[in-house]
PDB file of N, CA and C in Angstrom:
ATOM      1  N   MET A   1     -83.374  52.836 144.707  1.00  0.00           N
ATOM      2  CA  MET A   1     -83.978  54.155 144.859  1.00  0.00           C
ATOM      3  C   MET A   1     -84.669  54.225 146.220  1.00  0.00           C
ATOM      4  N   PRO A   2     -84.369  55.226 147.040  1.00  0.00           N
ATOM      5  CA  PRO A   2     -84.994  55.328 148.361  1.00  0.00           C
ATOM      6  C   PRO A   2     -86.459  55.743 148.272  1.00  0.00           C
ATOM      7  N   TYR A   3     -87.181  55.428 149.328  1.00  0.00           N
ATOM      8  CA  TYR A   3     -88.592  55.806 149.432  1.00  0.00           C
ATOM      9  C   TYR A   3     -88.701  57.303 149.688  1.00  0.00           C
ATOM     10  N   ASP A   4     -89.523  57.989 148.909  1.00  0.00           N
ATOM     11  CA  ASP A   4     -89.720  59.432 149.098  1.00  0.00           C
ATOM     12  C   ASP A   4     -91.202  59.789 149.084  1.00  0.00           C
ATOM     13  N   GLY A   5     -92.045  58.873 149.574  1.00  0.00           N
ATOM     14  CA  GLY A   5     -93.488  59.059 149.515  1.00  0.00           C
ATOM     15  C   GLY A   5     -93.968  60.204 150.374  1.00  0.00           C
ATOM     16  N   PHE A   6     -93.747  61.378 149.880  1.00  0.00           N
ATOM     17  CA  PHE A   6     -93.953  62.526 150.738  1.00  0.00           C
ATOM     18  C   PHE A   6     -94.124  63.725 149.823  1.00  0.00           C
ATOM     19  N   THR A   7     -95.108  64.537 150.112  1.00  0.00           N
ATOM     20  CA  THR A   7     -95.481  65.577 149.175  1.00  0.00           C
ATOM     21  C   THR A   7     -95.538  66.965 149.776  1.00  0.00           C
ATOM     22  N   ASP A   8     -94.874  67.884 149.208  1.00  0.00           N
ATOM     23  CA  ASP A   8     -95.023  69.319 149.406  1.00  0.00           C
ATOM     24  C   ASP A   8     -95.463  69.796 150.792  1.00  0.00           C
ATOM     25  N   GLY A   9     -94.721  69.423 151.825  1.00  0.00           N
ATOM     26  CA  GLY A   9     -95.029  69.912 153.161  1.00  0.00           C
ATOM     27  C   GLY A   9     -96.142  69.196 153.886  1.00  0.00           C
ATOM     28  N   GLN A  10     -96.587  68.078 153.348  1.00  0.00           N
ATOM     29  CA  GLN A  10     -97.653  67.301 153.978  1.00  0.00           C
ATOM     30  C   GLN A  10     -97.034  66.234 154.882  1.00  0.00           C
ATOM     31  N   CYS A  11     -97.782  65.788 155.852  1.00  0.00           N
ATOM     32  CA  CYS A  11     -97.333  64.725 156.740  1.00  0.00           C
ATOM     33  C   CYS A  11     -97.271  63.411 155.960  1.00  0.00           C
ATOM     34  N   PRO A  12     -96.101  62.764 155.918  1.00  0.00           N
ATOM     35  CA  PRO A  12     -95.994  61.521 155.156  1.00  0.00           C
ATOM     36  C   PRO A  12     -96.785  60.370 155.767  1.00  0.00           C
ATOM     37  N   GLN A  13     -96.977  60.362 157.083  1.00  0.00           N
ATOM     38  CA  GLN A  13     -97.772  59.302 157.702  1.00  0.00           C
ATOM     39  C   GLN A  13     -99.245  59.484 157.369  1.00  0.00           C
ATOM     40  N   CYS A  14     -99.756  60.684 157.507  1.00  0.00           N
ATOM     41  CA  CYS A  14    -101.165  60.941 157.185  1.00  0.00           C
ATOM     42  C   CYS A  14    -101.429  60.703 155.705  1.00  0.00           C
ATOM     43  N   TRP A  15    -100.457  61.046 154.869  1.00  0.00           N
ATOM     44  CA  TRP A  15    -100.575  60.836 153.425  1.00  0.00           C
ATOM     45  C   TRP A  15    -100.787  59.360 153.123  1.00  0.00           C
ATOM     46  N   LEU A  16    -100.088  58.470 153.856  1.00  0.00           N
ATOM     47  CA  LEU A  16    -100.276  57.027 153.673  1.00  0.00           C
ATOM     48  C   LEU A  16    -101.700  56.606 154.005  1.00  0.00           C
ATOM     49  N   ASP A  17    -102.331  57.327 154.919  1.00  0.00           N
ATOM     50  CA  ASP A  17    -103.704  57.027 155.329  1.00  0.00           C
ATOM     51  C   ASP A  17    -104.738  57.756 154.468  1.00  0.00           C
ATOM     52  N   GLY A  18    -104.277  58.425 153.402  1.00  0.00           N
ATOM     53  CA  GLY A  18    -105.194  59.114 152.493  1.00  0.00           C
ATOM     54  C   GLY A  18    -105.628  60.488 152.960  1.00  0.00           C
ATOM     55  N   ARG A  19    -104.910  61.067 153.921  1.00  0.00           N
ATOM     56  CA  ARG A  19    -105.256  62.397 154.428  1.00  0.00           C
ATOM     57  C   ARG A  19    -104.144  63.377 154.075  1.00  0.00           C
ATOM     58  N   TRP A  20    -104.510  64.612 153.774  1.00  0.00           N
ATOM     59  CA  TRP A  20    -103.556  65.671 153.442  1.00  0.00           C
ATOM     60  C   TRP A  20    -103.506  66.650 154.603  1.00  0.00           C
ATOM     61  N   VAL A  21    -102.460  66.542 155.426  1.00  0.00           N
ATOM     62  CA  VAL A  21    -102.337  67.372 156.621  1.00  0.00           C
ATOM     63  C   VAL A  21    -100.997  68.102 156.560  1.00  0.00           C
ATOM     64  N   ASP A  22    -101.041  69.419 156.624  1.00  0.00           N
ATOM     65  CA  ASP A  22     -99.801  70.207 156.602  1.00  0.00           C
ATOM     66  C   ASP A  22     -98.982  69.996 157.867  1.00  0.00           C
ATOM     67  N   LEU A  23     -97.670  70.018 157.704  1.00  0.00           N
ATOM     68  CA  LEU A  23     -96.745  70.027 158.836  1.00  0.00           C
ATOM     69  C   LEU A  23     -96.517  71.482 159.237  1.00  0.00           C
ATOM     70  N   TYR A  24     -96.315  71.721 160.538  1.00  0.00           N
ATOM     71  CA  TYR A  24     -96.043  73.065 161.045  1.00  0.00           C
ATOM     72  C   TYR A  24     -94.827  73.038 161.950  1.00  0.00           C
ATOM     73  N   LEU A  25     -94.154  74.157 162.033  1.00  0.00           N
ATOM     74  CA  LEU A  25     -92.999  74.271 162.905  1.00  0.00           C
ATOM     75  C   LEU A  25     -93.464  74.262 164.358  1.00  0.00           C
ATOM     76  N   ASN A  26     -92.816  73.415 165.182  1.00  0.00           N
ATOM     77  CA  ASN A  26     -93.188  73.383 166.594  1.00  0.00           C
ATOM     78  C   ASN A  26     -92.179  74.167 167.435  1.00  0.00           C
ATOM     79  N   GLU A  27     -92.410  74.220 168.722  1.00  0.00           N
ATOM     80  CA  GLU A  27     -91.550  75.006 169.616  1.00  0.00           C
ATOM     81  C   GLU A  27     -90.120  74.484 169.686  1.00  0.00           C
ATOM     82  N   ASP A  28     -89.897  73.230 169.266  1.00  0.00           N
ATOM     83  CA  ASP A  28     -88.557  72.649 169.243  1.00  0.00           C
ATOM     84  C   ASP A  28     -87.887  72.802 167.878  1.00  0.00           C
ATOM     85  N   ASP A  29     -88.541  73.539 166.974  1.00  0.00           N
ATOM     86  CA  ASP A  29     -88.067  73.764 165.605  1.00  0.00           C
ATOM     87  C   ASP A  29     -87.989  72.496 164.759  1.00  0.00           C
ATOM     88  N   PHE A  30     -88.908  71.568 165.010  1.00  0.00           N
ATOM     89  CA  PHE A  30     -89.116  70.416 164.137  1.00  0.00           C
ATOM     90  C   PHE A  30     -90.412  70.666 163.380  1.00  0.00           C
ATOM     91  N   TRP A  31     -90.542  70.080 162.181  1.00  0.00           N
ATOM     92  CA  TRP A  31     -91.822  70.099 161.483  1.00  0.00           C
ATOM     93  C   TRP A  31     -92.679  69.021 162.135  1.00  0.00           C
ATOM     94  N   GLU A  32     -93.889  69.383 162.557  1.00  0.00           N
ATOM     95  CA  GLU A  32     -94.757  68.447 163.273  1.00  0.00           C
ATOM     96  C   GLU A  32     -96.145  68.419 162.652  1.00  0.00           C
ATOM     97  N   CYS A  33     -96.721  67.234 162.622  1.00  0.00           N
ATOM     98  CA  CYS A  33     -98.095  67.075 162.164  1.00  0.00           C
ATOM     99  C   CYS A  33     -99.034  67.342 163.332  1.00  0.00           C
ATOM    100  N   PRO A  34    -100.009  68.243 163.172  1.00  0.00           N
ATOM    101  CA  PRO A  34    -100.934  68.528 164.271  1.00  0.00           C
ATOM    102  C   PRO A  34    -101.869  67.360 164.590  1.00  0.00           C
ATOM    103  N   GLU A  35    -102.003  66.399 163.685  1.00  0.00           N
ATOM    104  CA  GLU A  35    -102.906  65.270 163.932  1.00  0.00           C
ATOM    105  C   GLU A  35    -102.193  64.069 164.547  1.00  0.00           C
ATOM    106  N   CYS A  36    -101.137  63.564 163.906  1.00  0.00           N
ATOM    107  CA  CYS A  36    -100.490  62.346 164.407  1.00  0.00           C
ATOM    108  C   CYS A  36     -99.220  62.626 165.203  1.00  0.00           C
ATOM    109  N   LYS A  37     -98.781  63.882 165.228  1.00  0.00           N
ATOM    110  CA  LYS A  37     -97.611  64.332 165.997  1.00  0.00           C
ATOM    111  C   LYS A  37     -96.274  63.818 165.451  1.00  0.00           C
ATOM    112  N   LEU A  38     -96.254  63.262 164.224  1.00  0.00           N
ATOM    113  CA  LEU A  38     -94.992  62.860 163.596  1.00  0.00           C
ATOM    114  C   LEU A  38     -94.132  64.109 163.437  1.00  0.00           C
ATOM    115  N   GLN A  39     -92.831  63.961 163.668  1.00  0.00           N
ATOM    116  CA  GLN A  39     -91.913  65.100 163.566  1.00  0.00           C
ATOM    117  C   GLN A  39     -90.828  64.812 162.538  1.00  0.00           C
ATOM    118  N   LEU A  40     -90.451  65.844 161.787  1.00  0.00           N
ATOM    119  CA  LEU A  40     -89.363  65.754 160.822  1.00  0.00           C
ATOM    120  C   LEU A  40     -88.376  66.876 161.075  1.00  0.00           C
ATOM    121  N   LYS A  41     -87.117  66.592 160.763  1.00  0.00           N
ATOM    122  CA  LYS A  41     -86.045  67.571 160.917  1.00  0.00           C
ATOM    123  C   LYS A  41     -85.196  67.522 159.661  1.00  0.00           C
ATOM    124  N   LYS A  42     -84.752  68.674 159.188  1.00  0.00           N
ATOM    125  CA  LYS A  42     -83.889  68.727 158.007  1.00  0.00           C
ATOM    126  C   LYS A  42     -82.634  67.908 158.280  1.00  0.00           C
ATOM    127  N   TYR A  43     -82.280  67.046 157.336  1.00  0.00           N
ATOM    128  CA  TYR A  43     -81.087  66.213 157.472  1.00  0.00           C
ATOM    129  C   TYR A  43     -80.535  65.919 156.079  1.00  0.00           C
ATOM    130  N   ALA A  44     -79.269  66.224 155.871  1.00  0.00           N
ATOM    131  CA  ALA A  44     -78.590  65.973 154.592  1.00  0.00           C
ATOM    132  C   ALA A  44     -79.440  66.534 153.448  1.00  0.00           C
ATOM    133  N   ASP A  45     -79.773  65.681 152.477  1.00  0.00           N
ATOM    134  CA  ASP A  45     -80.546  66.121 151.315  1.00  0.00           C
ATOM    135  C   ASP A  45     -82.040  65.900 151.485  1.00  0.00           C
ATOM    136  N   GLY A  46     -82.472  65.524 152.681  1.00  0.00           N
ATOM    137  CA  GLY A  46     -83.879  65.229 152.904  1.00  0.00           C
ATOM    138  C   GLY A  46     -84.308  65.570 154.309  1.00  0.00           C
ATOM    139  N   TYR A  47     -85.103  64.674 154.905  1.00  0.00           N
ATOM    140  CA  TYR A  47     -85.666  64.915 156.231  1.00  0.00           C
ATOM    141  C   TYR A  47     -85.602  63.655 157.071  1.00  0.00           C
ATOM    142  N   LEU A  48     -85.210  63.835 158.324  1.00  0.00           N
ATOM    143  CA  LEU A  48     -85.139  62.754 159.289  1.00  0.00           C
ATOM    144  C   LEU A  48     -86.477  62.657 160.008  1.00  0.00           C
ATOM    145  N   VAL A  49     -87.072  61.479 160.000  1.00  0.00           N
ATOM    146  CA  VAL A  49     -88.308  61.239 160.746  1.00  0.00           C
ATOM    147  C   VAL A  49     -87.872  60.891 162.164  1.00  0.00           C
ATOM    148  N   MET A  50     -88.201  61.765 163.086  1.00  0.00           N
ATOM    149  CA  MET A  50     -87.737  61.602 164.456  1.00  0.00           C
ATOM    150  C   MET A  50     -88.329  60.338 165.077  1.00  0.00           C
ATOM    151  N   PRO A  51     -87.572  59.655 165.938  1.00  0.00           N
ATOM    152  CA  PRO A  51     -88.047  58.400 166.532  1.00  0.00           C
ATOM    153  C   PRO A  51     -88.939  58.605 167.758  1.00  0.00           C
ATOM    154  N   PHE A  52     -89.509  59.784 167.880  1.00  0.00           N
ATOM    155  CA  PHE A  52     -90.423  60.086 168.978  1.00  0.00           C
ATOM    156  C   PHE A  52     -91.451  61.092 168.474  1.00  0.00           C
ATOM    157  N   ARG A  53     -92.610  61.098 169.095  1.00  0.00           N
ATOM    158  CA  ARG A  53     -93.706  61.986 168.694  1.00  0.00           C
ATOM    159  C   ARG A  53     -93.559  63.362 169.329  1.00  0.00           C
ATOM    160  N   GLY A  54     -94.149  64.343 168.660  1.00  0.00           N
ATOM    161  CA  GLY A  54     -94.172  65.698 169.194  1.00  0.00           C
ATOM    162  C   GLY A  54     -95.194  65.823 170.309  1.00  0.00           C
ATOM    163  N   ARG A  55     -95.221  66.991 170.901  1.00  0.00           N
ATOM    164  CA  ARG A  55     -96.136  67.263 172.015  1.00  0.00           C
ATOM    165  C   ARG A  55     -97.318  68.118 171.592  1.00  0.00           C
ATOM    166  N   GLY A  56     -97.382  68.492 170.307  1.00  0.00           N
ATOM    167  CA  GLY A  56     -98.486  69.317 169.832  1.00  0.00           C
ATOM    168  C   GLY A  56     -98.319  70.780 170.144  1.00  0.00           C
ATOM    169  N   LYS A  57     -97.122  71.187 170.526  1.00  0.00           N
ATOM    170  CA  LYS A  57     -96.874  72.592 170.859  1.00  0.00           C
ATOM    171  C   LYS A  57     -96.326  73.305 169.620  1.00  0.00           C
ATOM    172  N   LEU A  58     -97.231  73.678 168.732  1.00  0.00           N
ATOM    173  CA  LEU A  58     -96.857  74.344 167.485  1.00  0.00           C
ATOM    174  C   LEU A  58     -96.678  75.835 167.734  1.00  0.00           C
ATOM    175  N   LYS A  59     -95.790  76.430 166.956  1.00  0.00           N
ATOM    176  CA  LYS A  59     -95.591  77.878 167.077  1.00  0.00           C
ATOM    177  C   LYS A  59     -96.879  78.586 166.657  1.00  0.00           C
ATOM    178  N   GLU A  60     -97.129  79.716 167.271  1.00  0.00           N
ATOM    179  CA  GLU A  60     -98.365  80.457 167.021  1.00  0.00           C
ATOM    180  C   GLU A  60     -98.074  81.832 166.426  1.00  0.00           C
ATOM    181  N   GLY A  61     -99.114  82.496 165.986  1.00  0.00           N
ATOM    182  CA  GLY A  61     -99.008  83.863 165.482  1.00  0.00           C
ATOM    183  C   GLY A  61     -98.089  83.981 164.285  1.00  0.00           C
ATOM    184  N   ALA A  62     -97.274  85.015 164.256  1.00  0.00           N
ATOM    185  CA  ALA A  62     -96.378  85.283 163.138  1.00  0.00           C
ATOM    186  C   ALA A  62     -95.320  84.195 162.981  1.00  0.00           C
ATOM    187  N   ALA A  63     -95.032  83.451 164.052  1.00  0.00           N
ATOM    188  CA  ALA A  63     -94.018  82.391 164.006  1.00  0.00           C
ATOM    189  C   ALA A  63     -94.578  81.086 163.444  1.00  0.00           C
ATOM    190  N   ARG A  64     -95.911  81.018 163.243  1.00  0.00           N
ATOM    191  CA  ARG A  64     -96.524  79.775 162.741  1.00  0.00           C
ATOM    192  C   ARG A  64     -96.199  79.612 161.249  1.00  0.00           C
ATOM    193  N   LEU A  65     -95.437  78.597 160.935  1.00  0.00           N
ATOM    194  CA  LEU A  65     -95.027  78.348 159.552  1.00  0.00           C
ATOM    195  C   LEU A  65     -95.489  76.975 159.096  1.00  0.00           C
ATOM    196  N   SER A  66     -96.069  76.916 157.912  1.00  0.00           N
ATOM    197  CA  SER A  66     -96.411  75.648 157.285  1.00  0.00           C
ATOM    198  C   SER A  66     -95.197  75.183 156.491  1.00  0.00           C
ATOM    199  N   ALA A  67     -94.999  73.887 156.433  1.00  0.00           N
ATOM    200  CA  ALA A  67     -93.868  73.314 155.699  1.00  0.00           C
ATOM    201  C   ALA A  67     -94.053  73.402 154.183  1.00  0.00           C
ATOM    202  N   ARG A  68     -95.227  73.791 153.712  1.00  0.00           N
ATOM    203  CA  ARG A  68     -95.482  73.819 152.263  1.00  0.00           C
ATOM    204  C   ARG A  68     -94.471  74.639 151.481  1.00  0.00           C
ATOM    205  N   ASN A  69     -93.974  75.690 152.058  1.00  0.00           N
ATOM    206  CA  ASN A  69     -93.012  76.533 151.336  1.00  0.00           C
ATOM    207  C   ASN A  69     -91.569  76.113 151.566  1.00  0.00           C
ATOM    208  N   PHE A  70     -91.365  75.068 152.360  1.00  0.00           N
ATOM    209  CA  PHE A  70     -90.010  74.681 152.728  1.00  0.00           C
ATOM    210  C   PHE A  70     -89.618  73.268 152.314  1.00  0.00           C
ATOM    211  N   ILE A  71     -90.576  72.363 152.210  1.00  0.00           N
ATOM    212  CA  ILE A  71     -90.282  70.966 151.890  1.00  0.00           C
ATOM    213  C   ILE A  71     -90.764  70.665 150.477  1.00  0.00           C
ATOM    214  N   SER A  72     -89.883  70.093 149.674  1.00  0.00           N
ATOM    215  CA  SER A  72     -90.193  69.807 148.275  1.00  0.00           C
ATOM    216  C   SER A  72     -90.673  68.378 148.084  1.00  0.00           C
ATOM    217  N   VAL A  73     -91.489  68.194 147.059  1.00  0.00           N
ATOM    218  CA  VAL A  73     -91.909  66.865 146.646  1.00  0.00           C
ATOM    219  C   VAL A  73     -90.658  66.067 146.306  1.00  0.00           C
ATOM    220  N   GLY A  74     -90.612  64.828 146.735  1.00  0.00           N
ATOM    221  CA  GLY A  74     -89.489  63.960 146.404  1.00  0.00           C
ATOM    222  C   GLY A  74     -88.306  64.046 147.348  1.00  0.00           C
ATOM    223  N   SER A  75     -88.419  64.827 148.424  1.00  0.00           N
ATOM    224  CA  SER A  75     -87.324  64.884 149.388  1.00  0.00           C
ATOM    225  C   SER A  75     -87.167  63.521 150.054  1.00  0.00           C
ATOM    226  N   PRO A  76     -85.947  62.985 150.099  1.00  0.00           N
ATOM    227  CA  PRO A  76     -85.749  61.673 150.737  1.00  0.00           C
ATOM    228  C   PRO A  76     -86.077  61.716 152.226  1.00  0.00           C
ATOM    229  N   LEU A  77     -86.576  60.599 152.724  1.00  0.00           N
ATOM    230  CA  LEU A  77     -86.888  60.461 154.142  1.00  0.00           C
ATOM    231  C   LEU A  77     -85.906  59.490 154.785  1.00  0.00           C
ATOM    232  N   TYR A  78     -85.403  59.878 155.939  1.00  0.00           N
ATOM    233  CA  TYR A  78     -84.460  59.063 156.701  1.00  0.00           C
ATOM    234  C   TYR A  78     -85.099  58.655 158.022  1.00  0.00           C
ATOM    235  N   GLY A  79     -84.675  57.527 158.548  1.00  0.00           N
ATOM    236  CA  GLY A  79     -85.059  57.087 159.881  1.00  0.00           C
ATOM    237  C   GLY A  79     -83.804  56.990 160.731  1.00  0.00           C
ATOM    238  N   VAL A  80     -83.995  56.681 161.998  1.00  0.00           N
ATOM    239  CA  VAL A  80     -82.849  56.517 162.904  1.00  0.00           C
ATOM    240  C   VAL A  80     -83.035  55.224 163.698  1.00  0.00           C
ATOM    241  N   ARG A  81     -81.938  54.460 163.808  1.00  0.00           N
ATOM    242  CA  ARG A  81     -81.924  53.244 164.625  1.00  0.00           C
ATOM    243  C   ARG A  81     -80.967  53.466 165.782  1.00  0.00           C
ATOM    244  N   GLY A  82     -81.324  52.968 166.945  1.00  0.00           N
ATOM    245  CA  GLY A  82     -80.457  53.077 168.104  1.00  0.00           C
ATOM    246  C   GLY A  82     -80.602  54.422 168.793  1.00  0.00           C
ATOM    247  N   TYR A  83     -79.771  54.634 169.820  1.00  0.00           N
ATOM    248  CA  TYR A  83     -79.861  55.856 170.608  1.00  0.00           C
ATOM    249  C   TYR A  83     -78.478  56.409 170.893  1.00  0.00           C
ATOM    250  N   GLY A  84     -78.406  57.711 171.046  1.00  0.00           N
ATOM    251  CA  GLY A  84     -77.155  58.369 171.422  1.00  0.00           C
ATOM    252  C   GLY A  84     -76.018  58.074 170.468  1.00  0.00           C
ATOM    253  N   LEU A  85     -74.867  57.722 171.012  1.00  0.00           N
ATOM    254  CA  LEU A  85     -73.687  57.467 170.193  1.00  0.00           C
ATOM    255  C   LEU A  85     -73.829  56.228 169.322  1.00  0.00           C
ATOM    256  N   ASN A  86     -74.765  55.353 169.658  1.00  0.00           N
ATOM    257  CA  ASN A  86     -74.960  54.130 168.889  1.00  0.00           C
ATOM    258  C   ASN A  86     -76.019  54.271 167.798  1.00  0.00           C
ATOM    259  N   SER A  87     -76.515  55.482 167.575  1.00  0.00           N
ATOM    260  CA  SER A  87     -77.563  55.650 166.573  1.00  0.00           C
ATOM    261  C   SER A  87     -76.975  55.725 165.170  1.00  0.00           C
ATOM    262  N   GLU A  88     -77.775  55.289 164.210  1.00  0.00           N
ATOM    263  CA  GLU A  88     -77.386  55.382 162.805  1.00  0.00           C
ATOM    264  C   GLU A  88     -78.594  55.839 161.993  1.00  0.00           C
ATOM    265  N   PHE A  89     -78.339  56.619 160.960  1.00  0.00           N
ATOM    266  CA  PHE A  89     -79.399  57.104 160.091  1.00  0.00           C
ATOM    267  C   PHE A  89     -79.442  56.236 158.841  1.00  0.00           C
ATOM    268  N   PHE A  90     -80.634  56.045 158.298  1.00  0.00           N
ATOM    269  CA  PHE A  90     -80.793  55.219 157.097  1.00  0.00           C
ATOM    270  C   PHE A  90     -81.905  55.779 156.232  1.00  0.00           C
ATOM    271  N   LEU A  91     -81.805  55.541 154.948  1.00  0.00           N
ATOM    272  CA  LEU A  91     -82.870  55.912 154.009  1.00  0.00           C
ATOM    273  C   LEU A  91     -83.922  54.812 154.009  1.00  0.00           C
ATOM    274  N   PHE A  92     -85.190  55.202 154.019  1.00  0.00           N
ATOM    275  CA  PHE A  92     -86.238  54.201 153.884  1.00  0.00           C
ATOM    276  C   PHE A  92     -86.178  53.637 152.474  1.00  0.00           C
ATOM    277  N   ARG A  93     -86.214  52.322 152.374  1.00  0.00           N
ATOM    278  CA  ARG A  93     -86.134  51.666 151.057  1.00  0.00           C
ATOM    279  C   ARG A  93     -87.475  51.640 150.343  1.00  0.00           C
ATOM    280  N   ASP A  94     -88.551  51.525 151.127  1.00  0.00           N
ATOM    281  CA  ASP A  94     -89.866  51.402 150.497  1.00  0.00           C
ATOM    282  C   ASP A  94     -90.960  51.789 151.492  1.00  0.00           C
ATOM    283  N   GLU A  95     -92.182  51.802 150.989  1.00  0.00           N
ATOM    284  CA  GLU A  95     -93.319  52.191 151.823  1.00  0.00           C
ATOM    285  C   GLU A  95     -93.513  51.251 152.997  1.00  0.00           C
ATOM    286  N   ARG A  96     -93.297  49.962 152.799  1.00  0.00           N
ATOM    287  CA  ARG A  96     -93.459  48.983 153.872  1.00  0.00           C
ATOM    288  C   ARG A  96     -92.527  49.295 155.049  1.00  0.00           C
ATOM    289  N   GLU A  97     -91.266  49.607 154.741  1.00  0.00           N
ATOM    290  CA  GLU A  97     -90.309  49.934 155.796  1.00  0.00           C
ATOM    291  C   GLU A  97     -90.709  51.225 156.521  1.00  0.00           C
ATOM    292  N   PHE A  98     -91.182  52.206 155.762  1.00  0.00           N
ATOM    293  CA  PHE A  98     -91.624  53.455 156.372  1.00  0.00           C
ATOM    294  C   PHE A  98     -92.834  53.226 157.279  1.00  0.00           C
ATOM    295  N   ARG A  99     -93.814  52.465 156.801  1.00  0.00           N
ATOM    296  CA  ARG A  99     -95.003  52.175 157.613  1.00  0.00           C
ATOM    297  C   ARG A  99     -94.624  51.494 158.933  1.00  0.00           C
ATOM    298  N   ALA A 100     -93.716  50.523 158.872  1.00  0.00           N
ATOM    299  CA  ALA A 100     -93.289  49.815 160.084  1.00  0.00           C
ATOM    300  C   ALA A 100     -92.632  50.784 161.067  1.00  0.00           C
ATOM    301  N   TYR A 101     -91.829  51.693 160.553  1.00  0.00           N
ATOM    302  CA  TYR A 101     -91.132  52.665 161.400  1.00  0.00           C
ATOM    303  C   TYR A 101     -92.122  53.586 162.105  1.00  0.00           C
ATOM    304  N   VAL A 102     -93.060  54.175 161.363  1.00  0.00           N
ATOM    305  CA  VAL A 102     -94.007  55.096 161.998  1.00  0.00           C
ATOM    306  C   VAL A 102     -94.974  54.369 162.921  1.00  0.00           C
ATOM    307  N   GLN A 103     -95.285  53.122 162.602  1.00  0.00           N
ATOM    308  CA  GLN A 103     -96.150  52.343 163.488  1.00  0.00           C
ATOM    309  C   GLN A 103     -95.468  52.137 164.835  1.00  0.00           C
ATOM    310  N   ALA A 104     -94.177  51.926 164.814  1.00  0.00           N
ATOM    311  CA  ALA A 104     -93.426  51.693 166.057  1.00  0.00           C
ATOM    312  C   ALA A 104     -93.348  52.949 166.933  1.00  0.00           C
ATOM    313  N   ILE A 105     -93.495  54.133 166.333  1.00  0.00           N
ATOM    314  CA  ILE A 105     -93.423  55.367 167.132  1.00  0.00           C
ATOM    315  C   ILE A 105     -94.777  56.038 167.291  1.00  0.00           C
ATOM    316  N   ARG A 106     -95.830  55.386 166.906  1.00  0.00           N
ATOM    317  CA  ARG A 106     -97.166  55.980 166.984  1.00  0.00           C
ATOM    318  C   ARG A 106     -97.527  56.407 168.390  1.00  0.00           C
ATOM    319  N   GLY A 107     -97.202  55.604 169.352  1.00  0.00           N
ATOM    320  CA  GLY A 107     -97.573  55.949 170.716  1.00  0.00           C
ATOM    321  C   GLY A 107     -98.984  55.546 171.075  1.00  0.00           C
ATOM    322  N   ASP A 108     -99.665  54.751 170.216  1.00  0.00           N
ATOM    323  CA  ASP A 108    -101.025  54.307 170.571  1.00  0.00           C
ATOM    324  C   ASP A 108    -100.942  53.079 171.464  1.00  0.00           C
TER     325      ASP A 108
END
């Protein structure tokens, strides 16, 4: 069973840290966390956790959308290994694998 530790439009990384932070649509049309800048994109039956952080440029005004009405509890999370033509997508197997992935793209 793949890891789906992710709830109703909340940032899965912040959720691991005990914080409930909504994801918002950014100017690149990815769901982005305003706090940690983690980005997600719709992929297959779930969401791809992008291997790079957002820039904090969230859509404003009428275009500002929260992911709460778009992302369901239990949606599978995917990661990406490699770059360009050599990249492959994979389902996170567990919380440990997900934590390692987001730690590698934190940018701290």
